[in-house]
Amino acid sequence: MLPSLFISHGSPMLALEPGASGPALARLAAELPRPKAIVIVSAHWESQGLLVGSSPRPETWHDFGGFPRELFAVQYPAPGQPELAAEVAGLLTDAGLPARLDNTRPFDHGVWVPMKLMYPDADIPIVQVSLPSQMGPTLQTRIGQVLRGLREQGILLVGSGSITHNLGELNWRAGPEVIEPWAKAFRDWIVDKLAANDDAALDDYRRQAPYAVRNHPSDEHLLPLYFARGAGERMGIVHQGFTLGALGMDIYRFD
């Protein structure tokens, strides 16, 4: 059975400059059974209610500015799968989490950047589920639990965000050896609580974790972790690292 994954997708430039994360994602994809489809929650589709992308051919959305022209030329033409989208929406609705289909949503970079590094041929169907971020960790955990059974059908469940995400405190000149102590302290606390299955602490991370608000001024980039955790059980570390001093690039799997 496939695991669920949490992937820190970092800067959009990861698509062109994969650093250590790119090879780690490629190795992970090679180790896993080939998915029949992928269901992904990205930090970049915040919404009021639950939405499920149902376009048969989602466009590649370059939802950013200020990057090199080469990045805007990158395309990731993976197909959607409307039938799976309807199944996902049905599972959520039946569990008391009403979900609607959205046949216009393109793939934001939280989808296509990590998926391009894992599955560069863009030949695996992808269905994106939105992130009602105002509902916090509990909802994301519940969504993961509801969709967990899809893993038994050969469907890969992915939460795409970032283990730390304070863009205002990044050091754009820092090499990979530079790690801000406040970012590492937060990342290590999260890993410890994941390993201990400490639900109460994880749900209350903004009060209990060291430097929580400094690492996540808003928490949309951490919430996909709760989706991945809800969809799996035993946590394993695939990759750890930082870039730009404080941007965590960790990748976790939940078997």
Protein backbone atom coordinates (compact mmCIF):
# COMPACT_ATOMS: atom_id res chain seq x y z
CA MET A 1 0.00 0.00 0.00
CA LEU A 2 1.26 3.46 -0.84
CA PRO A 3 2.15 5.83 1.99
CA SER A 4 0.92 9.37 2.34
CA LEU A 5 3.56 12.08 1.95
CA PHE A 6 4.32 15.53 3.27
CA ILE A 7 6.57 17.48 0.93
CA SER A 8 8.14 20.85 1.65
CA HIS A 9 8.07 22.39 -1.80
CA GLY A 10 10.22 25.43 -1.03
CA SER A 11 10.65 28.17 -3.61
CA PRO A 12 9.20 27.73 -7.12
CA MET A 13 12.83 27.76 -8.28
CA LEU A 14 13.05 24.21 -6.97
CA ALA A 15 11.72 23.19 -10.38
CA LEU A 16 14.92 24.50 -12.01
CA GLU A 17 17.37 24.24 -9.11
CA PRO A 18 16.39 21.05 -7.28
CA GLY A 19 19.27 21.06 -4.81
CA ALA A 20 19.14 18.07 -2.46
CA SER A 21 15.34 17.86 -2.47
CA GLY A 22 15.05 16.97 -6.15
CA PRO A 23 17.18 13.80 -5.95
CA ALA A 24 15.42 12.83 -2.70
CA LEU A 25 12.02 13.09 -4.39
CA ALA A 26 13.25 11.19 -7.45
CA ARG A 27 14.58 8.38 -5.26
CA LEU A 28 11.32 8.24 -3.33
CA ALA A 29 9.30 7.98 -6.54
CA ALA A 30 11.55 5.16 -7.75
CA GLU A 31 11.10 3.26 -4.48
CA LEU A 32 7.31 3.51 -4.38
CA PRO A 33 4.89 1.45 -6.46
CA ARG A 34 3.72 3.55 -9.38
CA PRO A 35 0.52 5.35 -8.30
CA LYS A 36 -2.65 4.99 -10.33
CA ALA A 37 -3.41 8.60 -9.42
CA ILE A 38 -2.39 11.31 -6.96
CA VAL A 39 -4.60 13.32 -4.59
CA ILE A 40 -2.83 16.41 -3.31
CA VAL A 41 -3.50 19.25 -0.88
CA SER A 42 -1.40 22.35 -1.61
CA ALA A 43 -0.79 25.33 0.65
CA HIS A 44 -1.63 27.54 -2.33
CA TRP A 45 -5.30 26.70 -2.76
CA GLU A 46 -6.89 28.31 0.27
CA SER A 47 -10.67 28.35 0.27
CA GLN A 48 -13.68 28.95 2.49
CA GLY A 49 -15.27 25.56 1.89
CA LEU A 50 -13.93 22.26 0.59
CA LEU A 51 -13.37 22.11 -3.16
CA VAL A 52 -12.08 19.29 -5.33
CA GLY A 53 -10.46 19.98 -8.69
CA SER A 54 -12.32 18.11 -11.42
CA SER A 55 -10.87 19.49 -14.64
CA PRO A 56 -9.78 16.73 -17.04
CA ARG A 57 -6.84 18.89 -18.21
CA PRO A 58 -5.75 21.37 -15.53
CA GLU A 59 -3.46 24.12 -16.74
CA THR A 60 -0.05 24.85 -15.23
CA TRP A 61 -0.42 28.05 -13.20
CA HIS A 62 2.66 30.18 -12.58
CA ASP A 63 1.18 31.72 -9.45
CA PHE A 64 4.15 33.93 -8.54
CA GLY A 65 6.22 36.83 -9.83
CA GLY A 66 9.80 38.02 -9.90
CA PHE A 67 11.41 34.79 -11.05
CA PRO A 68 13.42 34.07 -14.22
CA ARG A 69 11.65 33.76 -17.54
CA GLU A 70 12.72 30.12 -17.77
CA LEU A 71 10.53 29.24 -14.80
CA PHE A 72 7.43 30.66 -16.48
CA ALA A 73 8.11 28.40 -19.46
CA VAL A 74 7.85 25.24 -17.36
CA GLN A 75 4.71 23.22 -18.04
CA TYR A 76 3.37 20.18 -16.21
CA PRO A 77 0.54 18.77 -18.34
CA ALA A 78 -0.54 15.95 -16.03
CA PRO A 79 -4.18 15.01 -16.60
CA GLY A 80 -6.92 15.38 -14.07
CA GLN A 81 -9.35 12.58 -13.32
CA PRO A 82 -12.96 13.80 -12.95
CA GLU A 83 -14.20 10.37 -11.83
CA LEU A 84 -11.72 10.29 -8.94
CA ALA A 85 -12.56 13.89 -8.10
CA ALA A 86 -16.22 12.92 -7.80
CA GLU A 87 -15.29 9.97 -5.59
CA VAL A 88 -13.18 12.20 -3.32
CA ALA A 89 -15.97 14.77 -3.03
CA GLY A 90 -18.44 11.99 -2.27
CA LEU A 91 -16.28 10.48 0.46
CA LEU A 92 -15.84 13.86 2.12
CA THR A 93 -19.53 14.76 1.86
CA ASP A 94 -20.62 11.38 3.22
CA ALA A 95 -18.32 11.96 6.20
CA GLY A 96 -20.02 15.25 7.03
CA LEU A 97 -17.49 17.44 5.22
CA PRO A 98 -19.47 18.89 2.30
CA ALA A 99 -17.29 19.26 -0.79
CA ARG A 100 -17.99 20.76 -4.21
CA LEU A 101 -16.33 20.09 -7.54
CA ASP A 102 -14.35 22.85 -9.30
CA ASN A 103 -13.64 22.18 -12.97
CA THR A 104 -11.66 25.40 -13.55
CA ARG A 105 -8.83 25.15 -11.01
CA PRO A 106 -5.30 24.98 -12.53
CA PHE A 107 -2.32 23.34 -10.84
CA ASP A 108 -0.55 25.87 -8.60
CA HIS A 109 3.17 25.54 -7.97
CA GLY A 110 2.56 23.62 -4.76
CA VAL A 111 1.35 20.84 -7.06
CA TRP A 112 3.50 20.96 -10.16
CA VAL A 113 6.89 21.79 -8.62
CA PRO A 114 7.19 18.68 -6.40
CA MET A 115 5.31 16.44 -8.83
CA LYS A 116 7.64 17.42 -11.67
CA LEU A 117 10.57 16.25 -9.57
CA MET A 118 8.88 12.97 -8.66
CA TYR A 119 7.11 12.14 -11.92
CA PRO A 120 8.69 14.27 -14.68
CA ASP A 121 6.69 12.59 -17.46
CA ALA A 122 3.47 14.16 -16.11
CA ASP A 123 1.56 11.01 -16.99
CA ILE A 124 -0.12 10.24 -13.65
CA PRO A 125 -3.58 11.79 -13.09
CA ILE A 126 -3.73 14.35 -10.30
CA VAL A 127 -6.72 15.58 -8.29
CA GLN A 128 -6.23 18.61 -6.05
CA VAL A 129 -8.23 19.22 -2.88
CA SER A 130 -8.49 22.76 -1.52
CA LEU A 131 -7.28 23.98 1.86
CA PRO A 132 -9.89 25.64 4.12
CA SER A 133 -7.03 27.08 6.16
CA GLN A 134 -9.20 29.00 8.59
CA MET A 135 -10.37 25.66 10.03
CA GLY A 136 -6.89 24.73 11.28
CA PRO A 137 -5.15 21.40 11.84
CA THR A 138 -8.16 19.41 13.06
CA LEU A 139 -10.00 19.64 9.75
CA GLN A 140 -6.94 18.65 7.74
CA THR A 141 -6.37 15.62 9.95
CA ARG A 142 -10.00 14.61 9.45
CA ILE A 143 -9.79 15.01 5.66
CA GLY A 144 -6.73 12.78 5.61
CA GLN A 145 -8.53 10.17 7.71
CA VAL A 146 -11.55 10.20 5.42
CA LEU A 147 -9.43 9.72 2.30
CA ARG A 148 -6.98 7.23 3.83
CA GLY A 149 -8.66 4.25 2.16
CA LEU A 150 -7.69 5.56 -1.28
CA ARG A 151 -4.15 4.42 -0.53
CA GLU A 152 -5.38 0.83 -0.77
CA GLN A 153 -6.51 1.58 -4.33
CA GLY A 154 -3.01 2.57 -5.40
CA ILE A 155 -3.60 6.31 -5.01
CA LEU A 156 -0.82 8.46 -3.55
CA LEU A 157 -1.96 11.09 -1.04
CA VAL A 158 0.28 14.16 -0.76
CA GLY A 159 0.34 17.26 1.40
CA SER A 160 2.49 19.97 -0.18
CA GLY A 161 3.58 22.87 2.01
CA SER A 162 6.65 23.69 4.06
CA ILE A 163 7.84 22.61 7.49
CA THR A 164 8.91 26.25 8.10
CA HIS A 165 7.72 29.25 6.09
CA ASN A 166 8.66 32.80 7.02
CA LEU A 167 9.63 34.42 3.73
CA GLY A 168 10.38 37.72 5.45
CA GLU A 169 13.29 36.23 7.38
CA LEU A 170 15.01 34.27 4.62
CA ASN A 171 18.69 34.94 3.91
CA TRP A 172 18.93 34.91 0.13
CA ARG A 173 22.72 34.66 0.30
CA ALA A 174 22.88 31.76 2.74
CA GLY A 175 24.35 28.44 1.67
CA PRO A 176 22.92 25.06 2.73
CA GLU A 177 25.20 24.96 5.77
CA VAL A 178 23.46 28.01 7.30
CA ILE A 179 20.52 27.06 9.54
CA GLU A 180 18.75 29.56 11.78
CA PRO A 181 18.47 28.11 15.33
CA TRP A 182 14.84 29.24 15.69
CA ALA A 183 13.86 27.38 12.51
CA LYS A 184 15.67 24.21 13.55
CA ALA A 185 14.12 24.30 17.03
CA PHE A 186 10.63 24.42 15.56
CA ARG A 187 11.33 21.69 13.00
CA ASP A 188 12.82 19.41 15.66
CA TRP A 189 9.82 19.94 17.96
CA ILE A 190 7.41 18.99 15.18
CA VAL A 191 9.41 15.85 14.36
CA ASP A 192 9.48 14.82 18.03
CA LYS A 193 5.72 15.23 18.38
CA LEU A 194 5.06 13.37 15.12
CA ALA A 195 7.22 10.48 16.27
CA ALA A 196 5.40 10.42 19.62
CA ASN A 197 1.94 10.69 17.98
CA ASP A 198 1.20 13.58 20.32
CA ASP A 199 -2.09 14.76 18.84
CA ALA A 200 -2.80 17.33 21.53
CA ALA A 201 0.56 19.07 21.15
CA LEU A 202 0.46 19.04 17.35
CA ASP A 203 -3.06 20.49 17.25
CA ASP A 204 -1.96 23.23 19.67
CA TYR A 205 1.39 23.84 17.98
CA ARG A 206 0.93 27.61 17.69
CA ARG A 207 1.01 27.91 21.49
CA GLN A 208 3.30 25.02 22.40
CA ALA A 209 6.00 24.82 19.71
CA PRO A 210 9.09 27.01 20.03
CA TYR A 211 9.03 30.00 17.68
CA ALA A 212 5.80 28.74 16.11
CA VAL A 213 4.50 32.09 14.89
CA ARG A 214 7.96 33.15 13.76
CA ASN A 215 8.21 30.05 11.59
CA HIS A 216 4.61 30.28 10.39
CA PRO A 217 3.20 33.82 10.52
CA SER A 218 0.16 32.14 8.94
CA ASP A 219 -0.20 28.40 8.99
CA GLU A 220 -1.34 27.45 5.47
CA HIS A 221 2.07 25.93 4.66
CA LEU A 222 2.07 23.64 7.70
CA LEU A 223 -1.54 22.43 7.40
CA PRO A 224 -0.83 19.99 4.52
CA LEU A 225 1.31 18.07 7.02
CA TYR A 226 -1.84 17.32 9.02
CA PHE A 227 -3.57 16.03 5.91
CA ALA A 228 -0.68 13.65 5.22
CA ARG A 229 -0.52 12.54 8.84
CA GLY A 230 -4.27 11.93 8.97
CA ALA A 231 -4.00 9.74 5.88
CA GLY A 232 -1.25 7.56 7.38
CA GLU A 233 0.10 6.34 10.67
CA ARG A 234 3.80 5.54 11.18
CA MET A 235 5.95 8.56 10.40
CA GLY A 236 9.28 8.23 8.61
CA ILE A 237 11.77 10.87 7.51
CA VAL A 238 12.64 10.82 3.81
CA HIS A 239 14.75 13.98 3.71
CA GLN A 240 15.72 16.86 5.98
CA GLY A 241 17.41 20.15 5.25
CA PHE A 242 17.15 23.91 5.08
CA THR A 243 17.70 26.43 2.34
CA LEU A 244 18.10 30.21 2.58
CA GLY A 245 18.81 29.79 6.29
CA ALA A 246 15.29 29.21 7.50
CA LEU A 247 13.20 27.54 4.79
CA GLY A 248 12.76 23.92 5.84
CA MET A 249 12.80 21.37 3.02
CA ASP A 250 11.79 18.26 4.98
CA ILE A 251 9.93 15.36 3.36
CA TYR A 252 8.05 12.84 5.50
CA ARG A 253 6.15 9.67 4.73
CA PHE A 254 3.33 8.09 6.74
CA ASP A 255 2.89 4.33 6.28
